């Protein structure tokens, strides 16, 4: 590539980046004005009308670091209001067919709820399972003469009272289809143990060693049950959100390095809490500002398909994480409207 062509590419990148930053700031400011304190989330329908932009495009350009209110943490299905659950289900079903990890980020921005909590709630609402505790509670209610509508009001984990009754009857062997297997709930202690095993033995794309160690730790559970738990826990155990790091940092200020207490506050194991705090400290290390030469080198690496680890080695002064954050602006498509 000639020097003139390279300068043209860099100038184009600068223009695209400036337009993207400008549009992101515009969307974020409108979202701030449309924040609904009563519902605890942004009125995105109002933002869409005012900016004349598609909803998904607004969410893509929304700067998650621009949140004017804390992102809501709703780790349990009982923490969700009926309105929020209804809004979550309608939004996902209307805009996504099979939700990817990046699309869950958009869902979280729309609901102003941590994306892992959105995924959990949507999974329960759309693909609920009859657990042993729920089955026993329903049996007790039936023995006391309660109607299915009354039972559903106390356990609104399924979409309707009829669906709840059908799920119960299948487990009870009263349906023509094969009864569903009732899975014993995993306790918090067992979940923390699984998280520790994942942290110690997980290799990208390989769960074999994690499964072996988990089977040793839980000899009374089936292989299928353990593998299912590992898969459902892996994403949360390995992924750290900015909200996770912010909460742990504030809890360390309040309680010191009492990892057992901090882990209990955020529903993770003490070891996991300590690991999140260590990652936060690593990311908080101050590095010098990016120079023009470093940015130009990173752009060339991105366009050449070079990974962030290798780009970090070539630049020599920036970590792979910092390269990843900065390169994000050069890899996402720009859809700027006049």
C-alpha atoms as a PDB file:
ATOM      1  CA  UNK A   1       0.000   0.000   0.000  1.00  0.00           C
ATOM      2  CA  UNK A   2       1.398   3.370  -0.994  1.00  0.00           C
ATOM      3  CA  UNK A   3       1.917   6.182   1.484  1.00  0.00           C
ATOM      4  CA  UNK A   4      -0.893   8.207  -0.113  1.00  0.00           C
ATOM      5  CA  UNK A   5      -3.352   5.311   0.109  1.00  0.00           C
ATOM      6  CA  UNK A   6      -2.409   4.651   3.733  1.00  0.00           C
ATOM      7  CA  UNK A   7      -2.983   8.302   4.628  1.00  0.00           C
ATOM      8  CA  UNK A   8      -6.383   8.160   2.888  1.00  0.00           C
ATOM      9  CA  UNK A   9      -7.348   5.055   4.866  1.00  0.00           C
ATOM     10  CA  UNK A  10      -6.306   6.654   8.152  1.00  0.00           C
ATOM     11  CA  UNK A  11      -8.186   9.866   7.321  1.00  0.00           C
ATOM     12  CA  UNK A  12     -11.303   7.862   6.489  1.00  0.00           C
ATOM     13  CA  UNK A  13     -11.021   5.968   9.764  1.00  0.00           C
ATOM     14  CA  UNK A  14     -10.720   9.237  11.702  1.00  0.00           C
ATOM     15  CA  UNK A  15     -13.830  10.622  10.005  1.00  0.00           C
ATOM     16  CA  UNK A  16     -15.815   7.432  10.677  1.00  0.00           C
ATOM     17  CA  UNK A  17     -14.703   7.394  14.302  1.00  0.00           C
ATOM     18  CA  UNK A  18     -15.672  11.026  14.866  1.00  0.00           C
ATOM     19  CA  UNK A  19     -19.112  10.450  13.330  1.00  0.00           C
ATOM     20  CA  UNK A  20     -19.615   7.372  15.475  1.00  0.00           C
ATOM     21  CA  UNK A  21     -18.618   9.182  18.659  1.00  0.00           C
ATOM     22  CA  UNK A  22     -20.912  12.104  17.790  1.00  0.00           C
ATOM     23  CA  UNK A  23     -23.895   9.848  17.129  1.00  0.00           C
ATOM     24  CA  UNK A  24     -23.212   7.775  20.254  1.00  0.00           C
ATOM     25  CA  UNK A  25     -23.141  10.932  22.378  1.00  0.00           C
ATOM     26  CA  UNK A  26     -26.369  12.150  20.790  1.00  0.00           C
ATOM     27  CA  UNK A  27     -28.228   8.895  21.454  1.00  0.00           C
ATOM     28  CA  UNK A  28     -26.906   8.698  25.027  1.00  0.00           C
ATOM     29  CA  UNK A  29     -27.992  12.260  25.807  1.00  0.00           C
ATOM     30  CA  UNK A  30     -31.514  11.669  24.469  1.00  0.00           C
ATOM     31  CA  UNK A  31     -31.699   8.463  26.523  1.00  0.00           C
ATOM     32  CA  UNK A  32     -30.718  10.453  29.617  1.00  0.00           C
ATOM     33  CA  UNK A  33     -33.576  12.882  29.032  1.00  0.00           C
ATOM     34  CA  UNK A  34     -35.978   9.981  28.521  1.00  0.00           C
ATOM     35  CA  UNK A  35     -35.047   8.112  31.721  1.00  0.00           C
ATOM     36  CA  UNK A  36     -38.137   6.956  33.644  1.00  0.00           C
ATOM     37  CA  UNK A  37     -37.332   6.821  37.364  1.00  0.00           C
ATOM     38  CA  UNK A  38     -40.587   5.089  38.227  1.00  0.00           C
ATOM     39  CA  UNK A  39     -39.938   2.159  35.892  1.00  0.00           C
ATOM     40  CA  UNK A  40     -36.176   2.221  36.434  1.00  0.00           C
ATOM     41  CA  UNK A  41     -35.345   2.183  32.717  1.00  0.00           C
ATOM     42  CA  UNK A  42     -35.118   4.408  29.651  1.00  0.00           C
ATOM     43  CA  UNK A  43     -38.116   5.276  27.472  1.00  0.00           C
ATOM     44  CA  UNK A  44     -36.549   4.078  24.242  1.00  0.00           C
ATOM     45  CA  UNK A  45     -39.778   4.501  22.280  1.00  0.00           C
ATOM     46  CA  UNK A  46     -39.553   8.244  22.967  1.00  0.00           C
ATOM     47  CA  UNK A  47     -35.883   8.299  21.895  1.00  0.00           C
ATOM     48  CA  UNK A  48     -36.760   6.508  18.650  1.00  0.00           C
ATOM     49  CA  UNK A  49     -39.474   9.035  17.839  1.00  0.00           C
ATOM     50  CA  UNK A  50     -37.328  12.070  18.614  1.00  0.00           C
ATOM     51  CA  UNK A  51     -34.220  10.884  16.720  1.00  0.00           C
ATOM     52  CA  UNK A  52     -36.116   9.140  13.896  1.00  0.00           C
ATOM     53  CA  UNK A  53     -33.840   6.097  14.160  1.00  0.00           C
ATOM     54  CA  UNK A  54     -34.588   2.366  14.408  1.00  0.00           C
ATOM     55  CA  UNK A  55     -34.700   1.056  17.970  1.00  0.00           C
ATOM     56  CA  UNK A  56     -31.925  -1.510  17.530  1.00  0.00           C
ATOM     57  CA  UNK A  57     -29.667   1.122  15.960  1.00  0.00           C
ATOM     58  CA  UNK A  58     -30.244   3.424  18.947  1.00  0.00           C
ATOM     59  CA  UNK A  59     -29.297   0.619  21.337  1.00  0.00           C
ATOM     60  CA  UNK A  60     -26.163  -0.172  19.321  1.00  0.00           C
ATOM     61  CA  UNK A  61     -24.966   3.426  19.566  1.00  0.00           C
ATOM     62  CA  UNK A  62     -25.965   3.838  23.209  1.00  0.00           C
ATOM     63  CA  UNK A  63     -22.827   4.253  25.324  1.00  0.00           C
ATOM     64  CA  UNK A  64     -23.185   1.894  28.297  1.00  0.00           C
ATOM     65  CA  UNK A  65     -20.674   4.013  30.222  1.00  0.00           C
ATOM     66  CA  UNK A  66     -23.155   6.899  29.979  1.00  0.00           C
ATOM     67  CA  UNK A  67     -25.674   5.299  32.359  1.00  0.00           C
ATOM     68  CA  UNK A  68     -27.177   8.018  34.557  1.00  0.00           C
ATOM     69  CA  UNK A  69     -28.603   5.429  36.957  1.00  0.00           C
ATOM     70  CA  UNK A  70     -27.171   2.141  38.226  1.00  0.00           C
ATOM     71  CA  UNK A  71     -27.937  -0.860  36.061  1.00  0.00           C
ATOM     72  CA  UNK A  72     -30.600  -2.877  37.860  1.00  0.00           C
ATOM     73  CA  UNK A  73     -29.572  -6.242  39.265  1.00  0.00           C
ATOM     74  CA  UNK A  74     -32.457  -8.741  39.247  1.00  0.00           C
ATOM     75  CA  UNK A  75     -30.804 -12.145  39.785  1.00  0.00           C
ATOM     76  CA  UNK A  76     -34.007 -13.895  40.904  1.00  0.00           C
ATOM     77  CA  UNK A  77     -37.196 -14.256  38.900  1.00  0.00           C
ATOM     78  CA  UNK A  78     -39.153 -12.947  41.904  1.00  0.00           C
ATOM     79  CA  UNK A  79     -37.232  -9.658  41.636  1.00  0.00           C
ATOM     80  CA  UNK A  80     -38.911  -8.928  38.295  1.00  0.00           C
ATOM     81  CA  UNK A  81     -42.216  -7.100  38.092  1.00  0.00           C
ATOM     82  CA  UNK A  82     -44.968  -8.415  35.831  1.00  0.00           C
ATOM     83  CA  UNK A  83     -44.572  -5.363  33.580  1.00  0.00           C
ATOM     84  CA  UNK A  84     -40.812  -5.875  33.204  1.00  0.00           C
ATOM     85  CA  UNK A  85     -41.259  -9.571  32.352  1.00  0.00           C
ATOM     86  CA  UNK A  86     -43.924  -8.757  29.791  1.00  0.00           C
ATOM     87  CA  UNK A  87     -41.754  -6.022  28.249  1.00  0.00           C
ATOM     88  CA  UNK A  88     -38.725  -8.324  28.158  1.00  0.00           C
ATOM     89  CA  UNK A  89     -40.602 -11.139  26.409  1.00  0.00           C
ATOM     90  CA  UNK A  90     -42.243  -8.864  23.826  1.00  0.00           C
ATOM     91  CA  UNK A  91     -38.994  -7.013  23.038  1.00  0.00           C
ATOM     92  CA  UNK A  92     -36.934 -10.180  22.534  1.00  0.00           C
ATOM     93  CA  UNK A  93     -39.611 -11.991  20.513  1.00  0.00           C
ATOM     94  CA  UNK A  94     -40.159  -8.951  18.279  1.00  0.00           C
ATOM     95  CA  UNK A  95     -36.530  -8.165  17.454  1.00  0.00           C
ATOM     96  CA  UNK A  96     -34.520 -11.393  17.782  1.00  0.00           C
ATOM     97  CA  UNK A  97     -35.015 -14.973  16.634  1.00  0.00           C
ATOM     98  CA  UNK A  98     -32.022 -16.577  18.372  1.00  0.00           C
ATOM     99  CA  UNK A  99     -30.400 -14.161  20.820  1.00  0.00           C
ATOM    100  CA  UNK A 100     -26.610 -13.948  20.629  1.00  0.00           C
ATOM    101  CA  UNK A 101     -24.275 -12.692  23.357  1.00  0.00           C
ATOM    102  CA  UNK A 102     -23.990  -9.250  21.728  1.00  0.00           C
ATOM    103  CA  UNK A 103     -27.774  -9.050  21.352  1.00  0.00           C
ATOM    104  CA  UNK A 104     -28.203  -9.774  25.064  1.00  0.00           C
ATOM    105  CA  UNK A 105     -26.129  -6.620  25.606  1.00  0.00           C
ATOM    106  CA  UNK A 106     -28.770  -4.690  23.647  1.00  0.00           C
ATOM    107  CA  UNK A 107     -31.542  -6.347  25.654  1.00  0.00           C
ATOM    108  CA  UNK A 108     -29.790  -5.338  28.874  1.00  0.00           C
ATOM    109  CA  UNK A 109     -29.495  -1.733  27.659  1.00  0.00           C
ATOM    110  CA  UNK A 110     -33.172  -1.667  26.703  1.00  0.00           C
ATOM    111  CA  UNK A 111     -34.322  -3.026  30.079  1.00  0.00           C
ATOM    112  CA  UNK A 112     -31.561  -1.276  32.101  1.00  0.00           C
ATOM    113  CA  UNK A 113     -30.908  -4.659  33.707  1.00  0.00           C
ATOM    114  CA  UNK A 114     -27.711  -6.711  33.765  1.00  0.00           C
ATOM    115  CA  UNK A 115     -27.673  -8.846  30.632  1.00  0.00           C
ATOM    116  CA  UNK A 116     -27.138 -12.127  32.488  1.00  0.00           C
ATOM    117  CA  UNK A 117     -30.267 -11.403  34.553  1.00  0.00           C
ATOM    118  CA  UNK A 118     -32.228 -10.701  31.353  1.00  0.00           C
ATOM    119  CA  UNK A 119     -31.077 -13.999  29.896  1.00  0.00           C
ATOM    120  CA  UNK A 120     -32.044 -15.849  33.077  1.00  0.00           C
ATOM    121  CA  UNK A 121     -35.514 -14.282  33.285  1.00  0.00           C
ATOM    122  CA  UNK A 122     -36.267 -14.823  29.610  1.00  0.00           C
ATOM    123  CA  UNK A 123     -35.175 -18.447  29.843  1.00  0.00           C
ATOM    124  CA  UNK A 124     -37.464 -19.090  32.799  1.00  0.00           C
ATOM    125  CA  UNK A 125     -40.420 -17.366  31.139  1.00  0.00           C
ATOM    126  CA  UNK A 126     -40.053 -19.130  27.807  1.00  0.00           C
ATOM    127  CA  UNK A 127     -38.443 -22.441  28.705  1.00  0.00           C
ATOM    128  CA  UNK A 128     -39.395 -23.071  32.353  1.00  0.00           C
ATOM    129  CA  UNK A 129     -38.687 -26.385  34.065  1.00  0.00           C
ATOM    130  CA  UNK A 130     -40.443 -28.088  36.915  1.00  0.00           C
ATOM    131  CA  UNK A 131     -38.060 -28.363  39.857  1.00  0.00           C
ATOM    132  CA  UNK A 132     -38.398 -30.646  42.837  1.00  0.00           C
ATOM    133  CA  UNK A 133     -39.107 -27.760  45.238  1.00  0.00           C
ATOM    134  CA  UNK A 134     -41.800 -26.325  42.961  1.00  0.00           C
ATOM    135  CA  UNK A 135     -43.404 -29.741  42.460  1.00  0.00           C
ATOM    136  CA  UNK A 136     -43.588 -30.355  46.209  1.00  0.00           C
ATOM    137  CA  UNK A 137     -44.986 -26.849  46.836  1.00  0.00           C
ATOM    138  CA  UNK A 138     -47.719 -27.348  44.218  1.00  0.00           C
ATOM    139  CA  UNK A 139     -48.591 -30.749  45.685  1.00  0.00           C
ATOM    140  CA  UNK A 140     -48.991 -29.137  49.091  1.00  0.00           C
ATOM    141  CA  UNK A 141     -51.236 -26.403  47.643  1.00  0.00           C
ATOM    142  CA  UNK A 142     -53.420 -28.979  45.884  1.00  0.00           C
ATOM    143  CA  UNK A 143     -53.766 -31.004  49.076  1.00  0.00           C
ATOM    144  CA  UNK A 144     -54.937 -27.816  50.792  1.00  0.00           C
ATOM    145  CA  UNK A 145     -57.638 -27.336  48.149  1.00  0.00           C
ATOM    146  CA  UNK A 146     -56.168 -24.379  46.223  1.00  0.00           C
ATOM    147  CA  UNK A 147     -57.243 -23.781  42.621  1.00  0.00           C
ATOM    148  CA  UNK A 148     -54.673 -23.599  39.815  1.00  0.00           C
ATOM    149  CA  UNK A 149     -55.257 -19.861  39.359  1.00  0.00           C
ATOM    150  CA  UNK A 150     -54.406 -19.305  43.042  1.00  0.00           C
ATOM    151  CA  UNK A 151     -51.325 -21.519  42.796  1.00  0.00           C
ATOM    152  CA  UNK A 152     -50.163 -19.611  39.708  1.00  0.00           C
ATOM    153  CA  UNK A 153     -50.389 -16.307  41.598  1.00  0.00           C
ATOM    154  CA  UNK A 154     -47.997 -17.671  44.208  1.00  0.00           C
ATOM    155  CA  UNK A 155     -45.625 -19.282  41.662  1.00  0.00           C
ATOM    156  CA  UNK A 156     -45.715 -17.166  38.451  1.00  0.00           C
ATOM    157  CA  UNK A 157     -42.675 -18.838  36.889  1.00  0.00           C
ATOM    158  CA  UNK A 158     -44.641 -20.231  33.922  1.00  0.00           C
ATOM    159  CA  UNK A 159     -46.503 -18.194  31.326  1.00  0.00           C
ATOM    160  CA  UNK A 160     -49.998 -19.119  32.612  1.00  0.00           C
ATOM    161  CA  UNK A 161     -51.893 -21.288  35.088  1.00  0.00           C
ATOM    162  CA  UNK A 162     -52.680 -23.781  32.306  1.00  0.00           C
ATOM    163  CA  UNK A 163     -48.995 -24.190  31.418  1.00  0.00           C
ATOM    164  CA  UNK A 164     -48.165 -24.631  35.092  1.00  0.00           C
ATOM    165  CA  UNK A 165     -50.834 -27.337  35.418  1.00  0.00           C
ATOM    166  CA  UNK A 166     -49.595 -29.125  32.283  1.00  0.00           C
ATOM    167  CA  UNK A 167     -45.988 -29.121  33.518  1.00  0.00           C
ATOM    168  CA  UNK A 168     -47.089 -30.497  36.896  1.00  0.00           C
ATOM    169  CA  UNK A 169     -49.215 -33.240  35.320  1.00  0.00           C
ATOM    170  CA  UNK A 170     -46.344 -34.337  33.096  1.00  0.00           C
ATOM    171  CA  UNK A 171     -44.096 -34.728  36.098  1.00  0.00           C
ATOM    172  CA  UNK A 172     -46.894 -36.572  37.894  1.00  0.00           C
ATOM    173  CA  UNK A 173     -47.345 -39.018  35.019  1.00  0.00           C
ATOM    174  CA  UNK A 174     -50.851 -37.780  34.145  1.00  0.00           C
ATOM    175  CA  UNK A 175     -50.055 -36.722  30.607  1.00  0.00           C
ATOM    176  CA  UNK A 176     -49.845 -38.840  27.490  1.00  0.00           C
ATOM    177  CA  UNK A 177     -46.343 -37.517  26.788  1.00  0.00           C
ATOM    178  CA  UNK A 178     -43.245 -38.647  28.596  1.00  0.00           C
ATOM    179  CA  UNK A 179     -42.933 -37.005  32.033  1.00  0.00           C
ATOM    180  CA  UNK A 180     -40.197 -34.437  32.459  1.00  0.00           C
ATOM    181  CA  UNK A 181     -37.319 -35.242  34.723  1.00  0.00           C
ATOM    182  CA  UNK A 182     -37.468 -33.332  37.990  1.00  0.00           C
ATOM    183  CA  UNK A 183     -34.041 -31.879  38.629  1.00  0.00           C
ATOM    184  CA  UNK A 184     -32.977 -31.265  42.175  1.00  0.00           C
ATOM    185  CA  UNK A 185     -32.007 -27.652  42.698  1.00  0.00           C
ATOM    186  CA  UNK A 186     -28.336 -26.778  43.046  1.00  0.00           C
ATOM    187  CA  UNK A 187     -27.599 -25.036  46.321  1.00  0.00           C
ATOM    188  CA  UNK A 188     -25.598 -21.806  46.503  1.00  0.00           C
ATOM    189  CA  UNK A 189     -22.690 -23.736  48.012  1.00  0.00           C
ATOM    190  CA  UNK A 190     -22.712 -26.236  45.126  1.00  0.00           C
ATOM    191  CA  UNK A 191     -22.923 -23.439  42.569  1.00  0.00           C
ATOM    192  CA  UNK A 192     -19.938 -21.691  44.148  1.00  0.00           C
ATOM    193  CA  UNK A 193     -17.998 -24.959  44.013  1.00  0.00           C
ATOM    194  CA  UNK A 194     -18.804 -25.301  40.292  1.00  0.00           C
ATOM    195  CA  UNK A 195     -17.655 -21.719  39.715  1.00  0.00           C
ATOM    196  CA  UNK A 196     -14.334 -22.441  41.456  1.00  0.00           C
ATOM    197  CA  UNK A 197     -13.807 -25.583  39.358  1.00  0.00           C
ATOM    198  CA  UNK A 198     -14.484 -23.632  36.151  1.00  0.00           C
ATOM    199  CA  UNK A 199     -12.034 -20.918  37.181  1.00  0.00           C
ATOM    200  CA  UNK A 200      -9.324 -23.515  37.873  1.00  0.00           C
ATOM    201  CA  UNK A 201      -9.715 -25.995  35.024  1.00  0.00           C
ATOM    202  CA  UNK A 202     -11.538 -24.280  32.144  1.00  0.00           C
ATOM    203  CA  UNK A 203      -9.776 -24.125  28.774  1.00  0.00           C
ATOM    204  CA  UNK A 204     -11.346 -22.238  25.845  1.00  0.00           C
ATOM    205  CA  UNK A 205     -13.558 -24.667  23.939  1.00  0.00           C
ATOM    206  CA  UNK A 206     -12.770 -27.594  26.239  1.00  0.00           C
ATOM    207  CA  UNK A 207     -14.942 -28.566  29.228  1.00  0.00           C
ATOM    208  CA  UNK A 208     -13.590 -32.102  29.622  1.00  0.00           C
ATOM    209  CA  UNK A 209     -11.304 -31.411  32.589  1.00  0.00           C
ATOM    210  CA  UNK A 210     -13.982 -29.248  34.244  1.00  0.00           C
ATOM    211  CA  UNK A 211     -16.450 -32.128  33.914  1.00  0.00           C
ATOM    212  CA  UNK A 212     -13.977 -34.647  35.363  1.00  0.00           C
ATOM    213  CA  UNK A 213     -13.270 -32.496  38.417  1.00  0.00           C
ATOM    214  CA  UNK A 214     -16.973 -31.688  38.901  1.00  0.00           C
ATOM    215  CA  UNK A 215     -17.880 -35.398  38.814  1.00  0.00           C
ATOM    216  CA  UNK A 216     -15.326 -36.014  41.554  1.00  0.00           C
ATOM    217  CA  UNK A 217     -16.808 -33.170  43.606  1.00  0.00           C
ATOM    218  CA  UNK A 218     -20.432 -34.345  43.117  1.00  0.00           C
ATOM    219  CA  UNK A 219     -20.372 -38.165  42.890  1.00  0.00           C
ATOM    220  CA  UNK A 220     -24.119 -38.469  43.647  1.00  0.00           C
ATOM    221  CA  UNK A 221     -25.193 -36.358  40.657  1.00  0.00           C
ATOM    222  CA  UNK A 222     -25.524 -37.660  37.109  1.00  0.00           C
ATOM    223  CA  UNK A 223     -23.070 -36.725  34.387  1.00  0.00           C
ATOM    224  CA  UNK A 224     -25.838 -35.087  32.339  1.00  0.00           C
ATOM    225  CA  UNK A 225     -26.939 -32.958  35.300  1.00  0.00           C
ATOM    226  CA  UNK A 226     -23.377 -31.831  36.047  1.00  0.00           C
ATOM    227  CA  UNK A 227     -22.633 -31.025  32.404  1.00  0.00           C
ATOM    228  CA  UNK A 228     -25.844 -28.984  32.132  1.00  0.00           C
ATOM    229  CA  UNK A 229     -24.918 -27.035  35.261  1.00  0.00           C
ATOM    230  CA  UNK A 230     -21.395 -26.400  33.946  1.00  0.00           C
ATOM    231  CA  UNK A 231     -22.672 -25.050  30.634  1.00  0.00           C
ATOM    232  CA  UNK A 232     -25.180 -22.762  32.351  1.00  0.00           C
ATOM    233  CA  UNK A 233     -22.573 -21.521  34.819  1.00  0.00           C
ATOM    234  CA  UNK A 234     -19.631 -21.091  32.448  1.00  0.00           C
ATOM    235  CA  UNK A 235     -20.812 -17.827  30.869  1.00  0.00           C
ATOM    236  CA  UNK A 236     -21.405 -16.118  34.218  1.00  0.00           C
ATOM    237  CA  UNK A 237     -18.200 -17.513  35.765  1.00  0.00           C
ATOM    238  CA  UNK A 238     -15.935 -16.264  32.972  1.00  0.00           C
ATOM    239  CA  UNK A 239     -17.636 -13.030  31.932  1.00  0.00           C
ATOM    240  CA  UNK A 240     -17.159  -9.875  33.985  1.00  0.00           C
ATOM    241  CA  UNK A 241     -19.418  -6.864  33.468  1.00  0.00           C
ATOM    242  CA  UNK A 242     -18.526  -3.310  34.418  1.00  0.00           C
ATOM    243  CA  UNK A 243     -21.357  -3.516  36.937  1.00  0.00           C
ATOM    244  CA  UNK A 244     -19.741  -6.567  38.583  1.00  0.00           C
ATOM    245  CA  UNK A 245     -16.439  -4.746  39.014  1.00  0.00           C
ATOM    246  CA  UNK A 246     -18.127  -1.558  40.260  1.00  0.00           C
ATOM    247  CA  UNK A 247     -20.151  -3.459  42.886  1.00  0.00           C
ATOM    248  CA  UNK A 248     -17.145  -5.452  44.121  1.00  0.00           C
ATOM    249  CA  UNK A 249     -15.027  -2.312  44.321  1.00  0.00           C
ATOM    250  CA  UNK A 250     -17.671  -0.553  46.441  1.00  0.00           C
ATOM    251  CA  UNK A 251     -18.083  -3.598  48.682  1.00  0.00           C
ATOM    252  CA  UNK A 252     -14.315  -3.777  49.241  1.00  0.00           C
ATOM    253  CA  UNK A 253     -14.442  -0.135  50.363  1.00  0.00           C
ATOM    254  CA  UNK A 254     -17.260  -1.003  52.774  1.00  0.00           C
ATOM    255  CA  UNK A 255     -16.141  -4.404  54.143  1.00  0.00           C
ATOM    256  CA  UNK A 256     -12.464  -4.621  53.288  1.00  0.00           C
ATOM    257  CA  UNK A 257     -11.255  -7.926  51.828  1.00  0.00           C
ATOM    258  CA  UNK A 258     -13.966  -9.997  53.498  1.00  0.00           C
ATOM    259  CA  UNK A 259     -14.474 -12.120  50.370  1.00  0.00           C
ATOM    260  CA  UNK A 260     -17.021 -14.431  51.993  1.00  0.00           C
ATOM    261  CA  UNK A 261     -19.304 -11.516  52.833  1.00  0.00           C
ATOM    262  CA  UNK A 262     -18.744  -9.805  49.478  1.00  0.00           C
ATOM    263  CA  UNK A 263     -19.445 -13.032  47.592  1.00  0.00           C
ATOM    264  CA  UNK A 264     -22.691 -13.464  49.492  1.00  0.00           C
ATOM    265  CA  UNK A 265     -23.749  -9.921  48.578  1.00  0.00           C
ATOM    266  CA  UNK A 266     -23.330 -10.501  44.818  1.00  0.00           C
ATOM    267  CA  UNK A 267     -24.271 -14.213  44.745  1.00  0.00           C
ATOM    268  CA  UNK A 268     -20.832 -15.606  43.850  1.00  0.00           C
ATOM    269  CA  UNK A 269     -18.203 -17.621  45.685  1.00  0.00           C
ATOM    270  CA  UNK A 270     -15.555 -15.824  47.796  1.00  0.00           C
ATOM    271  CA  UNK A 271     -12.882 -16.904  45.336  1.00  0.00           C
ATOM    272  CA  UNK A 272     -14.891 -15.496  42.430  1.00  0.00           C
ATOM    273  CA  UNK A 273     -15.365 -12.180  44.259  1.00  0.00           C
ATOM    274  CA  UNK A 274     -11.624 -11.915  44.897  1.00  0.00           C
ATOM    275  CA  UNK A 275     -10.892 -12.712  41.243  1.00  0.00           C
ATOM    276  CA  UNK A 276     -13.288  -9.988  40.008  1.00  0.00           C
ATOM    277  CA  UNK A 277     -11.624  -7.449  42.289  1.00  0.00           C
ATOM    278  CA  UNK A 278      -8.158  -8.480  41.034  1.00  0.00           C
ATOM    279  CA  UNK A 279      -9.302  -8.050  37.420  1.00  0.00           C
ATOM    280  CA  UNK A 280     -10.728  -4.637  38.287  1.00  0.00           C
ATOM    281  CA  UNK A 281      -7.446  -3.550  39.855  1.00  0.00           C
ATOM    282  CA  UNK A 282      -5.547  -4.723  36.789  1.00  0.00           C
ATOM    283  CA  UNK A 283      -7.787  -2.729  34.461  1.00  0.00           C
ATOM    284  CA  UNK A 284      -7.519   0.369  36.648  1.00  0.00           C
ATOM    285  CA  UNK A 285      -3.768   0.635  36.177  1.00  0.00           C
ATOM    286  CA  UNK A 286      -3.022   3.989  34.581  1.00  0.00           C
ATOM    287  CA  UNK A 287      -1.367   3.799  31.144  1.00  0.00           C
ATOM    288  CA  UNK A 288      -0.074   6.709  29.034  1.00  0.00           C
ATOM    289  CA  UNK A 289      -2.433   8.133  26.389  1.00  0.00           C
ATOM    290  CA  UNK A 290      -2.334   6.582  22.927  1.00  0.00           C
ATOM    291  CA  UNK A 291       0.058   8.293  20.549  1.00  0.00           C
ATOM    292  CA  UNK A 292      -0.667   8.766  16.835  1.00  0.00           C
ATOM    293  CA  UNK A 293       1.982   6.166  15.936  1.00  0.00           C
ATOM    294  CA  UNK A 294       0.420   3.615  18.287  1.00  0.00           C
ATOM    295  CA  UNK A 295      -3.061   4.239  16.897  1.00  0.00           C
ATOM    296  CA  UNK A 296      -1.805   3.937  13.321  1.00  0.00           C
ATOM    297  CA  UNK A 297      -0.074   0.663  14.138  1.00  0.00           C
ATOM    298  CA  UNK A 298      -3.215  -0.687  15.771  1.00  0.00           C
ATOM    299  CA  UNK A 299      -5.336   0.272  12.744  1.00  0.00           C
ATOM    300  CA  UNK A 300      -2.967  -1.565  10.419  1.00  0.00           C
ATOM    301  CA  UNK A 301      -3.077  -4.617  12.695  1.00  0.00           C
ATOM    302  CA  UNK A 302      -6.885  -4.601  12.742  1.00  0.00           C
ATOM    303  CA  UNK A 303      -7.127  -4.273   8.961  1.00  0.00           C
ATOM    304  CA  UNK A 304      -4.569  -7.059   8.559  1.00  0.00           C
ATOM    305  CA  UNK A 305      -6.523  -9.448  10.755  1.00  0.00           C
ATOM    306  CA  UNK A 306      -3.856  -9.546  13.469  1.00  0.00           C
ATOM    307  CA  UNK A 307      -5.061 -10.610  16.912  1.00  0.00           C
ATOM    308  CA  UNK A 308      -4.954  -8.287  19.895  1.00  0.00           C
ATOM    309  CA  UNK A 309      -2.263 -10.293  21.696  1.00  0.00           C
ATOM    310  CA  UNK A 310       0.071  -9.981  18.713  1.00  0.00           C
ATOM    311  CA  UNK A 311      -0.917  -6.329  18.208  1.00  0.00           C
ATOM    312  CA  UNK A 312      -0.010  -5.645  21.843  1.00  0.00           C
ATOM    313  CA  UNK A 313       3.387  -7.252  21.276  1.00  0.00           C
ATOM    314  CA  UNK A 314       3.996  -5.167  18.141  1.00  0.00           C
ATOM    315  CA  UNK A 315       2.978  -1.891  19.815  1.00  0.00           C
ATOM    316  CA  UNK A 316       4.947  -2.761  22.917  1.00  0.00           C
ATOM    317  CA  UNK A 317       3.339  -0.284  25.311  1.00  0.00           C
ATOM    318  CA  UNK A 318      -0.328  -1.374  25.469  1.00  0.00           C
ATOM    319  CA  UNK A 319      -1.968  -4.493  26.891  1.00  0.00           C
ATOM    320  CA  UNK A 320      -4.137  -6.818  24.756  1.00  0.00           C
ATOM    321  CA  UNK A 321      -7.161  -5.597  26.724  1.00  0.00           C
ATOM    322  CA  UNK A 322      -6.470  -1.935  25.891  1.00  0.00           C
ATOM    323  CA  UNK A 323      -5.884  -2.868  22.234  1.00  0.00           C
ATOM    324  CA  UNK A 324      -9.220  -4.660  22.189  1.00  0.00           C
ATOM    325  CA  UNK A 325     -11.100  -1.695  23.667  1.00  0.00           C
ATOM    326  CA  UNK A 326      -9.608   0.850  21.258  1.00  0.00           C
ATOM    327  CA  UNK A 327      -9.872  -1.439  18.210  1.00  0.00           C
ATOM    328  CA  UNK A 328     -13.596  -1.864  18.836  1.00  0.00           C
ATOM    329  CA  UNK A 329     -14.206   1.576  17.310  1.00  0.00           C
ATOM    330  CA  UNK A 330     -12.516   0.517  14.058  1.00  0.00           C
ATOM    331  CA  UNK A 331     -14.239  -2.842  13.606  1.00  0.00           C
ATOM    332  CA  UNK A 332     -17.941  -1.991  14.133  1.00  0.00           C
ATOM    333  CA  UNK A 333     -19.880  -0.825  11.058  1.00  0.00           C
ATOM    334  CA  UNK A 334     -20.987   2.792  11.042  1.00  0.00           C
ATOM    335  CA  UNK A 335     -24.577   3.611  10.097  1.00  0.00           C
ATOM    336  CA  UNK A 336     -24.647   7.395  10.311  1.00  0.00           C
ATOM    337  CA  UNK A 337     -27.744   9.353   9.437  1.00  0.00           C
ATOM    338  CA  UNK A 338     -27.747  12.886   8.150  1.00  0.00           C
END
